[in-house]
Amino acid sequence: MAKLDDQISTLEEKLKQLKLRQQRTLARQRAAEDQRERKAETRRKILVGTVVMAKARDGEMDATQLRGWMDQALTRRDDRALFGLAPREVSEIRGV
């Protein structure tokens, strides 16, 4: 009976190790998929931005409206500087 108990313990330990390996594999797969999706989202944003900027440059879109959108949406000093927008005051950002 002791030999059978040892075999059961060994198999239970092996099962535990296999389940842990499976969890790690699934976690790596999810991380890889998340990274692919982030890259795809970044690429979409770049392409949309490229098209919008080209339309504004070519006069097919109102550049003043685009600048207004950017002025409303951008809060970080670095981002605003890229578009020649003045830095915002803290009260403007917080809506005070």
N, C-alpha and C. Protein backbone atom coordinates (compact mmCIF):
# COMPACT_ATOMS: atom_id res chain seq x y z
N MET A 1 0.82 -1.20 0.00
CA MET A 1 0.00 0.00 0.00
C MET A 1 0.86 1.27 0.00
N ALA A 2 2.00 1.22 0.69
CA ALA A 2 2.90 2.37 0.76
C ALA A 2 3.44 2.70 -0.62
N LYS A 3 3.73 1.66 -1.41
CA LYS A 3 4.25 1.86 -2.76
C LYS A 3 3.21 2.57 -3.63
N LEU A 4 1.97 2.18 -3.49
CA LEU A 4 0.87 2.82 -4.24
C LEU A 4 0.71 4.28 -3.83
N ASP A 5 0.82 4.55 -2.54
CA ASP A 5 0.73 5.94 -2.04
C ASP A 5 1.88 6.79 -2.59
N ASP A 6 3.07 6.20 -2.68
CA ASP A 6 4.21 6.91 -3.25
C ASP A 6 3.98 7.24 -4.72
N GLN A 7 3.43 6.29 -5.46
CA GLN A 7 3.14 6.51 -6.87
C GLN A 7 2.11 7.62 -7.04
N ILE A 8 1.09 7.59 -6.19
CA ILE A 8 0.05 8.63 -6.25
C ILE A 8 0.67 10.00 -5.94
N SER A 9 1.50 10.07 -4.92
CA SER A 9 2.16 11.34 -4.56
C SER A 9 3.03 11.84 -5.71
N THR A 10 3.76 10.93 -6.33
CA THR A 10 4.62 11.30 -7.45
C THR A 10 3.79 11.84 -8.61
N LEU A 11 2.70 11.14 -8.90
CA LEU A 11 1.84 11.59 -10.01
C LEU A 11 1.16 12.91 -9.70
N GLU A 12 0.76 13.11 -8.45
CA GLU A 12 0.13 14.38 -8.06
C GLU A 12 1.13 15.53 -8.20
N GLU A 13 2.39 15.27 -7.81
CA GLU A 13 3.42 16.29 -7.94
C GLU A 13 3.67 16.60 -9.41
N LYS A 14 3.71 15.58 -10.24
CA LYS A 14 3.91 15.77 -11.68
C LYS A 14 2.74 16.56 -12.28
N LEU A 15 1.53 16.24 -11.86
CA LEU A 15 0.34 16.97 -12.33
C LEU A 15 0.43 18.44 -11.93
N LYS A 16 0.85 18.69 -10.70
CA LYS A 16 1.00 20.06 -10.22
C LYS A 16 2.01 20.82 -11.07
N GLN A 17 3.14 20.18 -11.40
CA GLN A 17 4.16 20.81 -12.22
C GLN A 17 3.65 21.09 -13.64
N LEU A 18 2.90 20.12 -14.18
CA LEU A 18 2.35 20.31 -15.53
C LEU A 18 1.33 21.44 -15.57
N LYS A 19 0.51 21.55 -14.54
CA LYS A 19 -0.48 22.64 -14.48
C LYS A 19 0.23 23.99 -14.40
N LEU A 20 1.30 24.04 -13.62
CA LEU A 20 2.07 25.28 -13.50
C LEU A 20 2.69 25.64 -14.85
N ARG A 21 3.22 24.65 -15.54
CA ARG A 21 3.80 24.88 -16.87
C ARG A 21 2.74 25.39 -17.84
N GLN A 22 1.55 24.81 -17.76
CA GLN A 22 0.45 25.23 -18.63
C GLN A 22 0.06 26.68 -18.34
N GLN A 23 -0.01 27.05 -17.07
CA GLN A 23 -0.35 28.42 -16.69
C GLN A 23 0.68 29.40 -17.24
N ARG A 24 1.96 29.04 -17.13
CA ARG A 24 3.02 29.93 -17.63
C ARG A 24 2.95 30.07 -19.14
N THR A 25 2.66 28.97 -19.82
CA THR A 25 2.55 29.01 -21.28
C THR A 25 1.39 29.91 -21.69
N LEU A 26 0.26 29.76 -21.03
CA LEU A 26 -0.91 30.60 -21.34
C LEU A 26 -0.62 32.07 -21.04
N ALA A 27 0.09 32.33 -19.96
CA ALA A 27 0.43 33.72 -19.62
C ALA A 27 1.34 34.33 -20.68
N ARG A 28 2.31 33.54 -21.18
CA ARG A 28 3.19 34.04 -22.25
C ARG A 28 2.39 34.32 -23.52
N GLN A 29 1.45 33.43 -23.83
CA GLN A 29 0.63 33.62 -25.03
C GLN A 29 -0.22 34.89 -24.91
N ARG A 30 -0.81 35.10 -23.74
CA ARG A 30 -1.62 36.31 -23.53
C ARG A 30 -0.75 37.56 -23.63
N ALA A 31 0.44 37.51 -23.05
CA ALA A 31 1.34 38.67 -23.10
C ALA A 31 1.74 38.97 -24.55
N ALA A 32 2.01 37.93 -25.32
CA ALA A 32 2.39 38.13 -26.72
C ALA A 32 1.23 38.72 -27.51
N GLU A 33 0.01 38.24 -27.27
CA GLU A 33 -1.17 38.77 -27.95
C GLU A 33 -1.42 40.23 -27.56
N ASP A 34 -1.27 40.53 -26.27
CA ASP A 34 -1.44 41.92 -25.81
C ASP A 34 -0.42 42.84 -26.49
N GLN A 35 0.82 42.37 -26.60
CA GLN A 35 1.85 43.17 -27.25
C GLN A 35 1.53 43.39 -28.73
N ARG A 36 1.06 42.34 -29.41
CA ARG A 36 0.68 42.49 -30.83
C ARG A 36 -0.46 43.50 -30.98
N GLU A 37 -1.42 43.46 -30.07
CA GLU A 37 -2.56 44.39 -30.15
C GLU A 37 -2.11 45.82 -29.88
N ARG A 38 -1.21 46.01 -28.91
CA ARG A 38 -0.69 47.37 -28.65
C ARG A 38 0.05 47.91 -29.87
N LYS A 39 0.85 47.06 -30.50
CA LYS A 39 1.57 47.50 -31.70
C LYS A 39 0.60 47.85 -32.82
N ALA A 40 -0.44 47.03 -32.99
CA ALA A 40 -1.44 47.31 -34.04
C ALA A 40 -2.16 48.62 -33.74
N GLU A 41 -2.51 48.85 -32.49
CA GLU A 41 -3.21 50.09 -32.11
C GLU A 41 -2.31 51.30 -32.37
N THR A 42 -1.06 51.19 -32.02
CA THR A 42 -0.11 52.28 -32.27
C THR A 42 0.00 52.55 -33.77
N ARG A 43 0.08 51.50 -34.55
CA ARG A 43 0.17 51.65 -36.01
C ARG A 43 -1.08 52.33 -36.57
N ARG A 44 -2.25 51.92 -36.06
CA ARG A 44 -3.51 52.57 -36.52
C ARG A 44 -3.49 54.06 -36.20
N LYS A 45 -3.05 54.41 -35.01
CA LYS A 45 -2.99 55.82 -34.62
C LYS A 45 -2.05 56.61 -35.53
N ILE A 46 -0.91 56.02 -35.82
CA ILE A 46 0.05 56.69 -36.70
C ILE A 46 -0.56 56.92 -38.08
N LEU A 47 -1.22 55.89 -38.61
CA LEU A 47 -1.81 56.01 -39.94
C LEU A 47 -2.94 57.04 -39.98
N VAL A 48 -3.80 57.03 -38.97
CA VAL A 48 -4.89 58.02 -38.91
C VAL A 48 -4.29 59.43 -38.83
N GLY A 49 -3.29 59.59 -37.97
CA GLY A 49 -2.65 60.90 -37.84
C GLY A 49 -2.02 61.36 -39.14
N THR A 50 -1.39 60.44 -39.84
CA THR A 50 -0.76 60.77 -41.12
C THR A 50 -1.79 61.24 -42.14
N VAL A 51 -2.91 60.53 -42.21
CA VAL A 51 -3.96 60.90 -43.17
C VAL A 51 -4.56 62.25 -42.80
N VAL A 52 -4.87 62.46 -41.53
CA VAL A 52 -5.49 63.72 -41.10
C VAL A 52 -4.54 64.89 -41.35
N MET A 53 -3.27 64.71 -41.02
CA MET A 53 -2.30 65.79 -41.24
C MET A 53 -2.16 66.10 -42.73
N ALA A 54 -2.17 65.08 -43.58
CA ALA A 54 -2.07 65.30 -45.02
C ALA A 54 -3.31 66.03 -45.54
N LYS A 55 -4.48 65.65 -45.05
CA LYS A 55 -5.73 66.32 -45.48
C LYS A 55 -5.70 67.79 -45.07
N ALA A 56 -5.24 68.07 -43.85
CA ALA A 56 -5.17 69.46 -43.38
C ALA A 56 -4.14 70.25 -44.20
N ARG A 57 -3.00 69.64 -44.46
CA ARG A 57 -1.95 70.30 -45.24
C ARG A 57 -2.42 70.60 -46.65
N ASP A 58 -3.16 69.67 -47.25
CA ASP A 58 -3.62 69.83 -48.63
C ASP A 58 -4.90 70.65 -48.75
N GLY A 59 -5.41 71.13 -47.63
CA GLY A 59 -6.61 71.96 -47.66
C GLY A 59 -7.90 71.18 -47.79
N GLU A 60 -7.85 69.87 -47.68
CA GLU A 60 -9.07 69.05 -47.77
C GLU A 60 -9.78 68.97 -46.42
N MET A 61 -9.14 69.50 -45.40
CA MET A 61 -9.72 69.51 -44.06
C MET A 61 -9.38 70.86 -43.44
N ASP A 62 -10.25 71.35 -42.61
CA ASP A 62 -10.04 72.65 -41.98
C ASP A 62 -8.91 72.55 -40.95
N ALA A 63 -7.76 73.14 -41.27
CA ALA A 63 -6.60 73.09 -40.39
C ALA A 63 -6.87 73.81 -39.07
N THR A 64 -7.71 74.85 -39.12
CA THR A 64 -8.05 75.59 -37.90
C THR A 64 -8.84 74.69 -36.95
N GLN A 65 -9.75 73.92 -37.50
CA GLN A 65 -10.52 72.99 -36.67
C GLN A 65 -9.61 71.93 -36.06
N LEU A 66 -8.68 71.40 -36.85
CA LEU A 66 -7.73 70.41 -36.35
C LEU A 66 -6.90 71.00 -35.22
N ARG A 67 -6.42 72.22 -35.42
CA ARG A 67 -5.63 72.88 -34.36
C ARG A 67 -6.47 73.07 -33.10
N GLY A 68 -7.74 73.40 -33.26
CA GLY A 68 -8.63 73.54 -32.10
C GLY A 68 -8.81 72.23 -31.36
N TRP A 69 -8.96 71.16 -32.12
CA TRP A 69 -9.08 69.82 -31.49
C TRP A 69 -7.82 69.49 -30.70
N MET A 70 -6.67 69.79 -31.30
CA MET A 70 -5.42 69.50 -30.62
C MET A 70 -5.26 70.36 -29.38
N ASP A 71 -5.68 71.62 -29.48
CA ASP A 71 -5.59 72.52 -28.34
C ASP A 71 -6.46 72.03 -27.19
N GLN A 72 -7.64 71.50 -27.50
CA GLN A 72 -8.53 70.98 -26.46
C GLN A 72 -8.01 69.68 -25.86
N ALA A 73 -7.45 68.81 -26.69
CA ALA A 73 -7.12 67.46 -26.25
C ALA A 73 -5.75 67.34 -25.57
N LEU A 74 -4.79 68.13 -26.00
CA LEU A 74 -3.43 67.96 -25.49
C LEU A 74 -3.22 68.75 -24.21
N THR A 75 -2.67 68.07 -23.22
CA THR A 75 -2.40 68.73 -21.93
C THR A 75 -0.91 68.74 -21.59
N ARG A 76 -0.18 67.75 -22.03
CA ARG A 76 1.26 67.69 -21.72
C ARG A 76 2.02 68.76 -22.48
N ARG A 77 2.91 69.41 -21.78
CA ARG A 77 3.70 70.51 -22.35
C ARG A 77 4.45 70.05 -23.61
N ASP A 78 5.06 68.86 -23.56
CA ASP A 78 5.83 68.36 -24.71
C ASP A 78 4.92 68.15 -25.93
N ASP A 79 3.75 67.57 -25.69
CA ASP A 79 2.81 67.31 -26.79
C ASP A 79 2.34 68.61 -27.42
N ARG A 80 2.01 69.58 -26.58
CA ARG A 80 1.52 70.86 -27.08
C ARG A 80 2.61 71.57 -27.89
N ALA A 81 3.85 71.46 -27.44
CA ALA A 81 4.97 72.12 -28.13
C ALA A 81 5.14 71.54 -29.54
N LEU A 82 4.86 70.26 -29.73
CA LEU A 82 4.98 69.65 -31.06
C LEU A 82 4.07 70.33 -32.08
N PHE A 83 2.97 70.88 -31.61
CA PHE A 83 2.00 71.52 -32.50
C PHE A 83 2.02 73.05 -32.38
N GLY A 84 3.03 73.57 -31.71
CA GLY A 84 3.17 75.01 -31.58
C GLY A 84 2.10 75.62 -30.69
N LEU A 85 1.57 74.85 -29.75
CA LEU A 85 0.55 75.35 -28.84
C LEU A 85 1.19 75.80 -27.54
N ALA A 86 0.66 76.89 -26.98
CA ALA A 86 1.19 77.41 -25.72
C ALA A 86 0.88 76.41 -24.60
N PRO A 87 1.76 76.35 -23.61
CA PRO A 87 1.51 75.46 -22.47
C PRO A 87 0.23 75.87 -21.76
N ARG A 88 -0.45 74.90 -21.20
CA ARG A 88 -1.68 75.17 -20.45
C ARG A 88 -1.35 75.44 -18.99
N GLU A 89 -2.19 76.27 -18.41
CA GLU A 89 -2.09 76.51 -16.97
C GLU A 89 -2.72 75.33 -16.25
N VAL A 90 -2.28 75.07 -15.02
CA VAL A 90 -2.80 73.95 -14.24
C VAL A 90 -4.31 74.08 -14.07
N SER A 91 -4.82 75.29 -13.88
CA SER A 91 -6.26 75.47 -13.69
C SER A 91 -7.04 75.11 -14.94
N GLU A 92 -6.45 75.31 -16.12
CA GLU A 92 -7.10 74.95 -17.38
C GLU A 92 -7.23 73.42 -17.50
N ILE A 93 -6.19 72.73 -17.09
CA ILE A 93 -6.16 71.28 -17.21
C ILE A 93 -7.17 70.65 -16.26
N ARG A 94 -7.26 71.17 -15.06
CA ARG A 94 -8.17 70.61 -14.05
C ARG A 94 -9.60 71.10 -14.23
N GLY A 95 -9.80 72.05 -15.08
CA GLY A 95 -11.14 72.58 -15.30
C GLY A 95 -11.62 73.50 -14.20
N VAL A 96 -10.69 74.12 -13.48
CA VAL A 96 -11.03 75.02 -12.37
C VAL A 96 -11.24 76.41 -12.90
